[in-house]
């Protein structure tokens, strides 16, 4: 989900991944969000997610140990490095309900 500075929703998107771990899915969602925001012309991002692990890895506070996540982490950092400014924060899942609803909608449509 992409919002502008005033909080207005500019875009809602989801993509099916097939079988993937939750953490890989979180990275794929992060990458999709960055891509879509850049496509909309953004050069500054405030990223919000409910995966504390992903947020801390992107901030450099945690190492990425899982082999499947290493290339996704590198891709995320490369995409973020092209922006003028960015930040990332973790919020409880309850504060991320709209994004969670998008996931459920995509999963329901796949079944």
PDB file of N, CA and C in Angstrom:
ATOM      1  N   UNK A   1       0.842  -1.159   0.000  1.00  0.00           N
ATOM      2  CA  UNK A   1       0.000   0.000   0.000  1.00  0.00           C
ATOM      3  C   UNK A   1       0.897   1.235   0.000  1.00  0.00           C
ATOM      4  N   UNK A   2       0.581   2.161  -0.862  1.00  0.00           N
ATOM      5  CA  UNK A   2       1.372   3.380  -0.963  1.00  0.00           C
ATOM      6  C   UNK A   2       0.464   4.569  -0.678  1.00  0.00           C
ATOM      7  N   UNK A   3       0.927   5.394   0.251  1.00  0.00           N
ATOM      8  CA  UNK A   3       0.210   6.615   0.620  1.00  0.00           C
ATOM      9  C   UNK A   3       1.098   7.817   0.345  1.00  0.00           C
ATOM     10  N   UNK A   4       0.467   8.950   0.083  1.00  0.00           N
ATOM     11  CA  UNK A   4       1.247  10.174  -0.070  1.00  0.00           C
ATOM     12  C   UNK A   4       1.480  10.784   1.314  1.00  0.00           C
ATOM     13  N   UNK A   5       2.141  11.922   1.349  1.00  0.00           N
ATOM     14  CA  UNK A   5       2.506  12.559   2.620  1.00  0.00           C
ATOM     15  C   UNK A   5       1.290  12.918   3.471  1.00  0.00           C
ATOM     16  N   UNK A   6       0.143  13.123   2.830  1.00  0.00           N
ATOM     17  CA  UNK A   6      -1.066  13.476   3.585  1.00  0.00           C
ATOM     18  C   UNK A   6      -1.824  12.244   4.075  1.00  0.00           C
ATOM     19  N   UNK A   7      -1.373  11.048   3.667  1.00  0.00           N
ATOM     20  CA  UNK A   7      -2.024   9.813   4.096  1.00  0.00           C
ATOM     21  C   UNK A   7      -3.003   9.247   3.085  1.00  0.00           C
ATOM     22  N   UNK A   8      -3.201   9.945   1.977  1.00  0.00           N
ATOM     23  CA  UNK A   8      -4.117   9.448   0.951  1.00  0.00           C
ATOM     24  C   UNK A   8      -3.514   8.227   0.252  1.00  0.00           C
ATOM     25  N   UNK A   9      -4.326   7.188   0.099  1.00  0.00           N
ATOM     26  CA  UNK A   9      -3.863   5.971  -0.567  1.00  0.00           C
ATOM     27  C   UNK A   9      -3.739   6.243  -2.063  1.00  0.00           C
ATOM     28  N   UNK A  10      -2.532   6.042  -2.582  1.00  0.00           N
ATOM     29  CA  UNK A  10      -2.267   6.226  -4.007  1.00  0.00           C
ATOM     30  C   UNK A  10      -2.359   4.913  -4.772  1.00  0.00           C
ATOM     31  N   UNK A  11      -2.015   3.809  -4.092  1.00  0.00           N
ATOM     32  CA  UNK A  11      -1.971   2.527  -4.770  1.00  0.00           C
ATOM     33  C   UNK A  11      -2.045   1.402  -3.753  1.00  0.00           C
ATOM     34  N   UNK A  12      -2.811   0.390  -4.099  1.00  0.00           N
ATOM     35  CA  UNK A  12      -2.826  -0.860  -3.346  1.00  0.00           C
ATOM     36  C   UNK A  12      -2.461  -1.958  -4.332  1.00  0.00           C
ATOM     37  N   UNK A  13      -1.544  -2.822  -3.941  1.00  0.00           N
ATOM     38  CA  UNK A  13      -1.100  -3.858  -4.856  1.00  0.00           C
ATOM     39  C   UNK A  13      -0.687  -5.085  -4.064  1.00  0.00           C
ATOM     40  N   UNK A  14      -0.737  -6.223  -4.704  1.00  0.00           N
ATOM     41  CA  UNK A  14      -0.282  -7.487  -4.127  1.00  0.00           C
ATOM     42  C   UNK A  14       0.111  -8.395  -5.267  1.00  0.00           C
ATOM     43  N   UNK A  15       0.988  -9.332  -4.977  1.00  0.00           N
ATOM     44  CA  UNK A  15       1.343 -10.319  -5.988  1.00  0.00           C
ATOM     45  C   UNK A  15       1.469 -11.679  -5.320  1.00  0.00           C
ATOM     46  N   UNK A  16       1.059 -12.695  -6.027  1.00  0.00           N
ATOM     47  CA  UNK A  16       1.168 -14.053  -5.516  1.00  0.00           C
ATOM     48  C   UNK A  16       2.588 -14.561  -5.735  1.00  0.00           C
ATOM     49  N   UNK A  17       3.112 -15.236  -4.743  1.00  0.00           N
ATOM     50  CA  UNK A  17       4.487 -15.709  -4.812  1.00  0.00           C
ATOM     51  C   UNK A  17       4.593 -17.217  -4.967  1.00  0.00           C
ATOM     52  N   UNK A  18       3.512 -17.908  -4.740  1.00  0.00           N
ATOM     53  CA  UNK A  18       3.616 -19.356  -4.645  1.00  0.00           C
ATOM     54  C   UNK A  18       4.068 -19.694  -3.239  1.00  0.00           C
ATOM     55  N   UNK A  19       4.780 -20.783  -3.102  1.00  0.00           N
ATOM     56  CA  UNK A  19       5.230 -21.198  -1.777  1.00  0.00           C
ATOM     57  C   UNK A  19       6.469 -20.410  -1.386  1.00  0.00           C
ATOM     58  N   UNK A  20       6.419 -19.762  -0.225  1.00  0.00           N
ATOM     59  CA  UNK A  20       7.547 -18.972   0.268  1.00  0.00           C
ATOM     60  C   UNK A  20       7.416 -18.840   1.776  1.00  0.00           C
ATOM     61  N   UNK A  21       8.542 -18.639   2.431  1.00  0.00           N
ATOM     62  CA  UNK A  21       8.480 -18.391   3.865  1.00  0.00           C
ATOM     63  C   UNK A  21       7.878 -17.014   4.103  1.00  0.00           C
ATOM     64  N   UNK A  22       7.433 -16.797   5.319  1.00  0.00           N
ATOM     65  CA  UNK A  22       6.869 -15.507   5.690  1.00  0.00           C
ATOM     66  C   UNK A  22       7.898 -14.386   5.492  1.00  0.00           C
ATOM     67  N   UNK A  23       9.154 -14.647   5.877  1.00  0.00           N
ATOM     68  CA  UNK A  23      10.178 -13.611   5.754  1.00  0.00           C
ATOM     69  C   UNK A  23      10.507 -13.298   4.299  1.00  0.00           C
ATOM     70  N   UNK A  24      10.551 -14.313   3.458  1.00  0.00           N
ATOM     71  CA  UNK A  24      10.773 -14.068   2.028  1.00  0.00           C
ATOM     72  C   UNK A  24       9.603 -13.263   1.471  1.00  0.00           C
ATOM     73  N   UNK A  25       8.392 -13.594   1.872  1.00  0.00           N
ATOM     74  CA  UNK A  25       7.212 -12.846   1.417  1.00  0.00           C
ATOM     75  C   UNK A  25       7.279 -11.391   1.876  1.00  0.00           C
ATOM     76  N   UNK A  26       7.763 -11.157   3.084  1.00  0.00           N
ATOM     77  CA  UNK A  26       7.909  -9.780   3.585  1.00  0.00           C
ATOM     78  C   UNK A  26       8.909  -8.994   2.734  1.00  0.00           C
ATOM     79  N   UNK A  27      10.021  -9.626   2.384  1.00  0.00           N
ATOM     80  CA  UNK A  27      10.995  -8.952   1.522  1.00  0.00           C
ATOM     81  C   UNK A  27      10.405  -8.668   0.144  1.00  0.00           C
ATOM     82  N   UNK A  28       9.668  -9.628  -0.403  1.00  0.00           N
ATOM     83  CA  UNK A  28       9.054  -9.424  -1.726  1.00  0.00           C
ATOM     84  C   UNK A  28       8.051  -8.270  -1.676  1.00  0.00           C
ATOM     85  N   UNK A  29       7.314  -8.164  -0.576  1.00  0.00           N
ATOM     86  CA  UNK A  29       6.368  -7.051  -0.413  1.00  0.00           C
ATOM     87  C   UNK A  29       7.115  -5.722  -0.318  1.00  0.00           C
ATOM     88  N   UNK A  30       8.211  -5.715   0.403  1.00  0.00           N
ATOM     89  CA  UNK A  30       9.030  -4.505   0.507  1.00  0.00           C
ATOM     90  C   UNK A  30       9.522  -4.078  -0.871  1.00  0.00           C
ATOM     91  N   UNK A  31      10.044  -5.033  -1.625  1.00  0.00           N
ATOM     92  CA  UNK A  31      10.543  -4.726  -2.969  1.00  0.00           C
ATOM     93  C   UNK A  31       9.438  -4.244  -3.895  1.00  0.00           C
ATOM     94  N   UNK A  32       8.270  -4.874  -3.816  1.00  0.00           N
ATOM     95  CA  UNK A  32       7.132  -4.439  -4.628  1.00  0.00           C
ATOM     96  C   UNK A  32       6.746  -3.010  -4.278  1.00  0.00           C
ATOM     97  N   UNK A  33       6.695  -2.707  -2.990  1.00  0.00           N
ATOM     98  CA  UNK A  33       6.343  -1.352  -2.556  1.00  0.00           C
ATOM     99  C   UNK A  33       7.338  -0.310  -3.034  1.00  0.00           C
ATOM    100  N   UNK A  34       8.619  -0.618  -2.923  1.00  0.00           N
ATOM    101  CA  UNK A  34       9.651   0.323  -3.392  1.00  0.00           C
ATOM    102  C   UNK A  34       9.497   0.548  -4.888  1.00  0.00           C
ATOM    103  N   UNK A  35       9.352  -0.550  -5.630  1.00  0.00           N
ATOM    104  CA  UNK A  35       9.215  -0.451  -7.093  1.00  0.00           C
ATOM    105  C   UNK A  35       8.021   0.398  -7.487  1.00  0.00           C
ATOM    106  N   UNK A  36       6.875   0.119  -6.884  1.00  0.00           N
ATOM    107  CA  UNK A  36       5.653   0.857  -7.223  1.00  0.00           C
ATOM    108  C   UNK A  36       5.768   2.335  -6.844  1.00  0.00           C
ATOM    109  N   UNK A  37       6.356   2.617  -5.701  1.00  0.00           N
ATOM    110  CA  UNK A  37       6.518   4.016  -5.275  1.00  0.00           C
ATOM    111  C   UNK A  37       7.432   4.774  -6.233  1.00  0.00           C
ATOM    112  N   UNK A  38       8.514   4.145  -6.641  1.00  0.00           N
ATOM    113  CA  UNK A  38       9.426   4.780  -7.603  1.00  0.00           C
ATOM    114  C   UNK A  38       8.714   4.986  -8.934  1.00  0.00           C
ATOM    115  N   UNK A  39       7.911   3.995  -9.347  1.00  0.00           N
ATOM    116  CA  UNK A  39       7.133   4.140 -10.586  1.00  0.00           C
ATOM    117  C   UNK A  39       6.184   5.337 -10.516  1.00  0.00           C
ATOM    118  N   UNK A  40       5.720   5.650  -9.301  1.00  0.00           N
ATOM    119  CA  UNK A  40       4.823   6.798  -9.112  1.00  0.00           C
ATOM    120  C   UNK A  40       5.590   8.117  -8.981  1.00  0.00           C
ATOM    121  N   UNK A  41       6.932   8.040  -9.025  1.00  0.00           N
ATOM    122  CA  UNK A  41       7.743   9.249  -8.994  1.00  0.00           C
ATOM    123  C   UNK A  41       8.364   9.576  -7.650  1.00  0.00           C
ATOM    124  N   UNK A  42       8.237   8.690  -6.668  1.00  0.00           N
ATOM    125  CA  UNK A  42       8.799   8.968  -5.348  1.00  0.00           C
ATOM    126  C   UNK A  42      10.317   8.895  -5.373  1.00  0.00           C
ATOM    127  N   UNK A  43      10.957   9.818  -4.650  1.00  0.00           N
ATOM    128  CA  UNK A  43      12.400   9.729  -4.443  1.00  0.00           C
ATOM    129  C   UNK A  43      12.739   9.758  -2.953  1.00  0.00           C
ATOM    130  N   UNK A  44      11.696   9.808  -2.112  1.00  0.00           N
ATOM    131  CA  UNK A  44      11.826   9.695  -0.662  1.00  0.00           C
ATOM    132  C   UNK A  44      10.740   8.743  -0.183  1.00  0.00           C
ATOM    133  N   UNK A  45      11.101   7.822   0.709  1.00  0.00           N
ATOM    134  CA  UNK A  45      10.122   6.862   1.208  1.00  0.00           C
ATOM    135  C   UNK A  45      10.198   6.742   2.721  1.00  0.00           C
ATOM    136  N   UNK A  46       9.045   6.631   3.342  1.00  0.00           N
ATOM    137  CA  UNK A  46       8.923   6.228   4.735  1.00  0.00           C
ATOM    138  C   UNK A  46       8.267   4.855   4.697  1.00  0.00           C
ATOM    139  N   UNK A  47       9.042   3.825   4.923  1.00  0.00           N
ATOM    140  CA  UNK A  47       8.562   2.453   4.832  1.00  0.00           C
ATOM    141  C   UNK A  47       8.083   1.985   6.194  1.00  0.00           C
ATOM    142  N   UNK A  48       6.943   1.300   6.204  1.00  0.00           N
ATOM    143  CA  UNK A  48       6.367   0.787   7.438  1.00  0.00           C
ATOM    144  C   UNK A  48       6.023  -0.676   7.216  1.00  0.00           C
ATOM    145  N   UNK A  49       6.460  -1.522   8.115  1.00  0.00           N
ATOM    146  CA  UNK A  49       6.155  -2.934   8.010  1.00  0.00           C
ATOM    147  C   UNK A  49       5.938  -3.547   9.377  1.00  0.00           C
ATOM    148  N   UNK A  50       5.333  -4.721   9.395  1.00  0.00           N
ATOM    149  CA  UNK A  50       5.096  -5.370  10.678  1.00  0.00           C
ATOM    150  C   UNK A  50       6.072  -6.510  10.954  1.00  0.00           C
ATOM    151  N   UNK A  51       7.111  -6.621  10.129  1.00  0.00           N
ATOM    152  CA  UNK A  51       8.151  -7.619  10.368  1.00  0.00           C
ATOM    153  C   UNK A  51       9.371  -6.931  10.981  1.00  0.00           C
ATOM    154  N   UNK A  52       9.510  -7.084  12.283  1.00  0.00           N
ATOM    155  CA  UNK A  52      10.643  -6.463  12.963  1.00  0.00           C
ATOM    156  C   UNK A  52      11.966  -6.996  12.422  1.00  0.00           C
ATOM    157  N   UNK A  53      12.009  -8.282  12.079  1.00  0.00           N
ATOM    158  CA  UNK A  53      13.225  -8.876  11.537  1.00  0.00           C
ATOM    159  C   UNK A  53      13.662  -8.166  10.257  1.00  0.00           C
ATOM    160  N   UNK A  54      12.735  -8.002   9.318  1.00  0.00           N
ATOM    161  CA  UNK A  54      13.067  -7.369   8.036  1.00  0.00           C
ATOM    162  C   UNK A  54      13.505  -5.927   8.262  1.00  0.00           C
ATOM    163  N   UNK A  55      12.773  -5.207   9.094  1.00  0.00           N
ATOM    164  CA  UNK A  55      13.111  -3.807   9.372  1.00  0.00           C
ATOM    165  C   UNK A  55      14.518  -3.715   9.949  1.00  0.00           C
ATOM    166  N   UNK A  56      14.828  -4.546  10.912  1.00  0.00           N
ATOM    167  CA  UNK A  56      16.155  -4.488  11.542  1.00  0.00           C
ATOM    168  C   UNK A  56      17.262  -4.932  10.582  1.00  0.00           C
ATOM    169  N   UNK A  57      16.958  -5.869   9.692  1.00  0.00           N
ATOM    170  CA  UNK A  57      17.960  -6.265   8.699  1.00  0.00           C
ATOM    171  C   UNK A  57      18.214  -5.134   7.714  1.00  0.00           C
ATOM    172  N   UNK A  58      17.166  -4.483   7.261  1.00  0.00           N
ATOM    173  CA  UNK A  58      17.332  -3.387   6.302  1.00  0.00           C
ATOM    174  C   UNK A  58      18.079  -2.221   6.950  1.00  0.00           C
ATOM    175  N   UNK A  59      17.844  -1.975   8.213  1.00  0.00           N
ATOM    176  CA  UNK A  59      18.572  -0.923   8.940  1.00  0.00           C
ATOM    177  C   UNK A  59      20.028  -1.299   9.212  1.00  0.00           C
ATOM    178  N   UNK A  60      20.365  -2.568   9.068  1.00  0.00           N
ATOM    179  CA  UNK A  60      21.716  -3.023   9.353  1.00  0.00           C
ATOM    180  C   UNK A  60      21.921  -3.412  10.806  1.00  0.00           C
ATOM    181  N   UNK A  61      20.850  -3.516  11.573  1.00  0.00           N
ATOM    182  CA  UNK A  61      20.951  -3.881  12.985  1.00  0.00           C
ATOM    183  C   UNK A  61      21.095  -5.390  13.173  1.00  0.00           C
ATOM    184  N   UNK A  62      20.561  -6.178  12.242  1.00  0.00           N
ATOM    185  CA  UNK A  62      20.668  -7.637  12.276  1.00  0.00           C
ATOM    186  C   UNK A  62      21.345  -8.104  10.999  1.00  0.00           C
ATOM    187  N   UNK A  63      22.122  -9.165  11.114  1.00  0.00           N
ATOM    188  CA  UNK A  63      22.709  -9.792   9.937  1.00  0.00           C
ATOM    189  C   UNK A  63      21.653 -10.643   9.239  1.00  0.00           C
ATOM    190  N   UNK A  64      21.830 -10.819   7.938  1.00  0.00           N
ATOM    191  CA  UNK A  64      20.952 -11.701   7.166  1.00  0.00           C
ATOM    192  C   UNK A  64      21.682 -13.027   7.058  1.00  0.00           C
ATOM    193  N   UNK A  65      21.147 -14.038   7.714  1.00  0.00           N
ATOM    194  CA  UNK A  65      21.813 -15.340   7.749  1.00  0.00           C
ATOM    195  C   UNK A  65      21.190 -16.347   6.793  1.00  0.00           C
ATOM    196  N   UNK A  66      19.914 -16.216   6.532  1.00  0.00           N
ATOM    197  CA  UNK A  66      19.203 -17.194   5.706  1.00  0.00           C
ATOM    198  C   UNK A  66      19.558 -16.983   4.234  1.00  0.00           C
ATOM    199  N   UNK A  67      19.979 -18.055   3.584  1.00  0.00           N
ATOM    200  CA  UNK A  67      20.455 -17.970   2.193  1.00  0.00           C
ATOM    201  C   UNK A  67      19.407 -17.401   1.235  1.00  0.00           C
ATOM    202  N   UNK A  68      18.135 -17.743   1.412  1.00  0.00           N
ATOM    203  CA  UNK A  68      17.088 -17.270   0.500  1.00  0.00           C
ATOM    204  C   UNK A  68      16.813 -15.776   0.669  1.00  0.00           C
ATOM    205  N   UNK A  69      17.158 -15.239   1.823  1.00  0.00           N
ATOM    206  CA  UNK A  69      16.878 -13.822   2.074  1.00  0.00           C
ATOM    207  C   UNK A  69      18.040 -12.910   1.691  1.00  0.00           C
ATOM    208  N   UNK A  70      19.239 -13.449   1.588  1.00  0.00           N
ATOM    209  CA  UNK A  70      20.408 -12.613   1.279  1.00  0.00           C
ATOM    210  C   UNK A  70      20.259 -11.847  -0.035  1.00  0.00           C
ATOM    211  N   UNK A  71      19.867 -12.497  -1.145  1.00  0.00           N
ATOM    212  CA  UNK A  71      19.723 -11.722  -2.387  1.00  0.00           C
ATOM    213  C   UNK A  71      18.573 -10.710  -2.322  1.00  0.00           C
ATOM    214  N   UNK A  72      17.507 -11.034  -1.592  1.00  0.00           N
ATOM    215  CA  UNK A  72      16.386 -10.094  -1.459  1.00  0.00           C
ATOM    216  C   UNK A  72      16.806  -8.882  -0.638  1.00  0.00           C
ATOM    217  N   UNK A  73      17.580  -9.112   0.403  1.00  0.00           N
ATOM    218  CA  UNK A  73      18.101  -8.022   1.228  1.00  0.00           C
ATOM    219  C   UNK A  73      18.998  -7.114   0.382  1.00  0.00           C
ATOM    220  N   UNK A  74      19.895  -7.718  -0.387  1.00  0.00           N
ATOM    221  CA  UNK A  74      20.792  -6.937  -1.248  1.00  0.00           C
ATOM    222  C   UNK A  74      20.003  -6.136  -2.274  1.00  0.00           C
ATOM    223  N   UNK A  75      18.973  -6.746  -2.836  1.00  0.00           N
ATOM    224  CA  UNK A  75      18.133  -6.048  -3.814  1.00  0.00           C
ATOM    225  C   UNK A  75      17.410  -4.865  -3.174  1.00  0.00           C
ATOM    226  N   UNK A  76      16.919  -5.053  -1.959  1.00  0.00           N
ATOM    227  CA  UNK A  76      16.225  -3.970  -1.250  1.00  0.00           C
ATOM    228  C   UNK A  76      17.185  -2.816  -0.977  1.00  0.00           C
ATOM    229  N   UNK A  77      18.381  -3.121  -0.490  1.00  0.00           N
ATOM    230  CA  UNK A  77      19.356  -2.061  -0.216  1.00  0.00           C
ATOM    231  C   UNK A  77      19.769  -1.338  -1.492  1.00  0.00           C
ATOM    232  N   UNK A  78      19.916  -2.076  -2.588  1.00  0.00           N
ATOM    233  CA  UNK A  78      20.271  -1.447  -3.861  1.00  0.00           C
ATOM    234  C   UNK A  78      19.164  -0.505  -4.323  1.00  0.00           C
ATOM    235  N   UNK A  79      17.908  -0.941  -4.196  1.00  0.00           N
ATOM    236  CA  UNK A  79      16.781  -0.090  -4.602  1.00  0.00           C
ATOM    237  C   UNK A  79      16.699   1.148  -3.717  1.00  0.00           C
ATOM    238  N   UNK A  80      16.901   0.972  -2.426  1.00  0.00           N
ATOM    239  CA  UNK A  80      16.835   2.110  -1.503  1.00  0.00           C
ATOM    240  C   UNK A  80      17.978   3.086  -1.719  1.00  0.00           C
ATOM    241  N   UNK A  81      19.128   2.591  -2.139  1.00  0.00           N
ATOM    242  CA  UNK A  81      20.292   3.465  -2.345  1.00  0.00           C
ATOM    243  C   UNK A  81      20.076   4.444  -3.491  1.00  0.00           C
ATOM    244  N   UNK A  82      19.120   4.168  -4.347  1.00  0.00           N
ATOM    245  CA  UNK A  82      18.834   5.060  -5.479  1.00  0.00           C
ATOM    246  C   UNK A  82      17.906   6.210  -5.085  1.00  0.00           C
ATOM    247  N   UNK A  83      17.363   6.148  -3.881  1.00  0.00           N
ATOM    248  CA  UNK A  83      16.445   7.189  -3.411  1.00  0.00           C
ATOM    249  C   UNK A  83      17.218   8.329  -2.763  1.00  0.00           C
ATOM    250  N   UNK A  84      16.607   9.495  -2.761  1.00  0.00           N
ATOM    251  CA  UNK A  84      17.216  10.662  -2.108  1.00  0.00           C
ATOM    252  C   UNK A  84      17.235  10.477  -0.600  1.00  0.00           C
ATOM    253  N   UNK A  85      16.155   9.877  -0.061  1.00  0.00           N
ATOM    254  CA  UNK A  85      16.055   9.642   1.380  1.00  0.00           C
ATOM    255  C   UNK A  85      15.062   8.520   1.637  1.00  0.00           C
ATOM    256  N   UNK A  86      15.281   7.789   2.718  1.00  0.00           N
ATOM    257  CA  UNK A  86      14.342   6.744   3.110  1.00  0.00           C
ATOM    258  C   UNK A  86      14.499   6.444   4.598  1.00  0.00           C
ATOM    259  N   UNK A  87      13.440   5.919   5.166  1.00  0.00           N
ATOM    260  CA  UNK A  87      13.463   5.423   6.541  1.00  0.00           C
ATOM    261  C   UNK A  87      12.559   4.207   6.579  1.00  0.00           C
ATOM    262  N   UNK A  88      12.760   3.381   7.592  1.00  0.00           N
ATOM    263  CA  UNK A  88      11.931   2.190   7.740  1.00  0.00           C
ATOM    264  C   UNK A  88      11.648   1.980   9.216  1.00  0.00           C
ATOM    265  N   UNK A  89      10.406   1.653   9.519  1.00  0.00           N
ATOM    266  CA  UNK A  89      10.034   1.391  10.900  1.00  0.00           C
ATOM    267  C   UNK A  89       9.102   0.200  10.981  1.00  0.00           C
ATOM    268  N   UNK A  90       9.149  -0.431  12.128  1.00  0.00           N
ATOM    269  CA  UNK A  90       8.297  -1.585  12.397  1.00  0.00           C
ATOM    270  C   UNK A  90       7.112  -1.129  13.240  1.00  0.00           C
ATOM    271  N   UNK A  91       5.937  -1.631  12.896  1.00  0.00           N
ATOM    272  CA  UNK A  91       4.732  -1.352  13.671  1.00  0.00           C
ATOM    273  C   UNK A  91       4.054  -2.677  14.002  1.00  0.00           C
ATOM    274  N   UNK A  92       3.265  -2.711  15.056  1.00  0.00           N
ATOM    275  CA  UNK A  92       2.530  -3.938  15.349  1.00  0.00           C
ATOM    276  C   UNK A  92       1.571  -4.279  14.207  1.00  0.00           C
ATOM    277  N   UNK A  93       1.330  -5.567  14.020  1.00  0.00           N
ATOM    278  CA  UNK A  93       0.444  -6.020  12.939  1.00  0.00           C
ATOM    279  C   UNK A  93      -0.905  -5.296  12.982  1.00  0.00           C
ATOM    280  N   UNK A  94      -1.397  -4.999  14.165  1.00  0.00           N
ATOM    281  CA  UNK A  94      -2.690  -4.313  14.299  1.00  0.00           C
ATOM    282  C   UNK A  94      -2.673  -2.940  13.634  1.00  0.00           C
ATOM    283  N   UNK A  95      -1.513  -2.287  13.583  1.00  0.00           N
ATOM    284  CA  UNK A  95      -1.407  -0.974  12.925  1.00  0.00           C
ATOM    285  C   UNK A  95      -1.173  -1.109  11.432  1.00  0.00           C
ATOM    286  N   UNK A  96      -1.094  -2.333  10.950  1.00  0.00           N
ATOM    287  CA  UNK A  96      -0.836  -2.592   9.541  1.00  0.00           C
ATOM    288  C   UNK A  96      -1.994  -3.382   8.926  1.00  0.00           C
ATOM    289  N   UNK A  97      -3.179  -3.183   9.467  1.00  0.00           N
ATOM    290  CA  UNK A  97      -4.341  -4.000   9.106  1.00  0.00           C
ATOM    291  C   UNK A  97      -4.714  -3.880   7.630  1.00  0.00           C
ATOM    292  N   UNK A  98      -4.609  -2.692   7.046  1.00  0.00           N
ATOM    293  CA  UNK A  98      -4.986  -2.526   5.641  1.00  0.00           C
ATOM    294  C   UNK A  98      -4.075  -3.336   4.726  1.00  0.00           C
ATOM    295  N   UNK A  99      -2.784  -3.324   5.010  1.00  0.00           N
ATOM    296  CA  UNK A  99      -1.848  -4.108   4.201  1.00  0.00           C
ATOM    297  C   UNK A  99      -2.113  -5.596   4.397  1.00  0.00           C
ATOM    298  N   UNK A 100      -2.409  -5.998   5.618  1.00  0.00           N
ATOM    299  CA  UNK A 100      -2.742  -7.392   5.892  1.00  0.00           C
ATOM    300  C   UNK A 100      -3.977  -7.820   5.107  1.00  0.00           C
ATOM    301  N   UNK A 101      -4.943  -6.934   5.003  1.00  0.00           N
ATOM    302  CA  UNK A 101      -6.168  -7.236   4.266  1.00  0.00           C
ATOM    303  C   UNK A 101      -5.847  -7.468   2.777  1.00  0.00           C
ATOM    304  N   UNK A 102      -4.899  -6.734   2.222  1.00  0.00           N
ATOM    305  CA  UNK A 102      -4.490  -6.939   0.823  1.00  0.00           C
ATOM    306  C   UNK A 102      -3.918  -8.340   0.626  1.00  0.00           C
ATOM    307  N   UNK A 103      -3.123  -8.787   1.572  1.00  0.00           N
ATOM    308  CA  UNK A 103      -2.548 -10.127   1.500  1.00  0.00           C
ATOM    309  C   UNK A 103      -3.669 -11.166   1.493  1.00  0.00           C
ATOM    310  N   UNK A 104      -4.592 -11.022   2.423  1.00  0.00           N
ATOM    311  CA  UNK A 104      -5.690 -11.982   2.515  1.00  0.00           C
ATOM    312  C   UNK A 104      -6.544 -11.974   1.257  1.00  0.00           C
ATOM    313  N   UNK A 105      -6.762 -10.813   0.694  1.00  0.00           N
ATOM    314  CA  UNK A 105      -7.545 -10.684  -0.542  1.00  0.00           C
ATOM    315  C   UNK A 105      -6.841 -11.426  -1.688  1.00  0.00           C
ATOM    316  N   UNK A 106      -5.516 -11.244  -1.792  1.00  0.00           N
ATOM    317  CA  UNK A 106      -4.755 -11.918  -2.846  1.00  0.00           C
ATOM    318  C   UNK A 106      -4.793 -13.433  -2.646  1.00  0.00           C
ATOM    319  N   UNK A 107      -4.656 -13.868  -1.407  1.00  0.00           N
ATOM    320  CA  UNK A 107      -4.687 -15.305  -1.125  1.00  0.00           C
ATOM    321  C   UNK A 107      -6.059 -15.900  -1.396  1.00  0.00           C
ATOM    322  N   UNK A 108      -7.107 -15.179  -1.050  1.00  0.00           N
ATOM    323  CA  UNK A 108      -8.471 -15.653  -1.312  1.00  0.00           C
ATOM    324  C   UNK A 108      -8.741 -15.788  -2.811  1.00  0.00           C
ATOM    325  N   UNK A 109      -8.202 -14.872  -3.591  1.00  0.00           N
ATOM    326  CA  UNK A 109      -8.390 -14.905  -5.039  1.00  0.00           C
ATOM    327  C   UNK A 109      -7.625 -16.034  -5.703  1.00  0.00           C
ATOM    328  N   UNK A 110      -6.586 -16.530  -5.024  1.00  0.00           N
ATOM    329  CA  UNK A 110      -5.757 -17.597  -5.598  1.00  0.00           C
ATOM    330  C   UNK A 110      -6.366 -18.976  -5.355  1.00  0.00           C
ATOM    331  N   UNK A 111      -7.268 -19.067  -4.398  1.00  0.00           N
ATOM    332  CA  UNK A 111      -7.794 -20.378  -4.011  1.00  0.00           C
ATOM    333  C   UNK A 111      -8.909 -20.810  -4.812  1.00  0.00           C
TER     334      UNK A 111
END
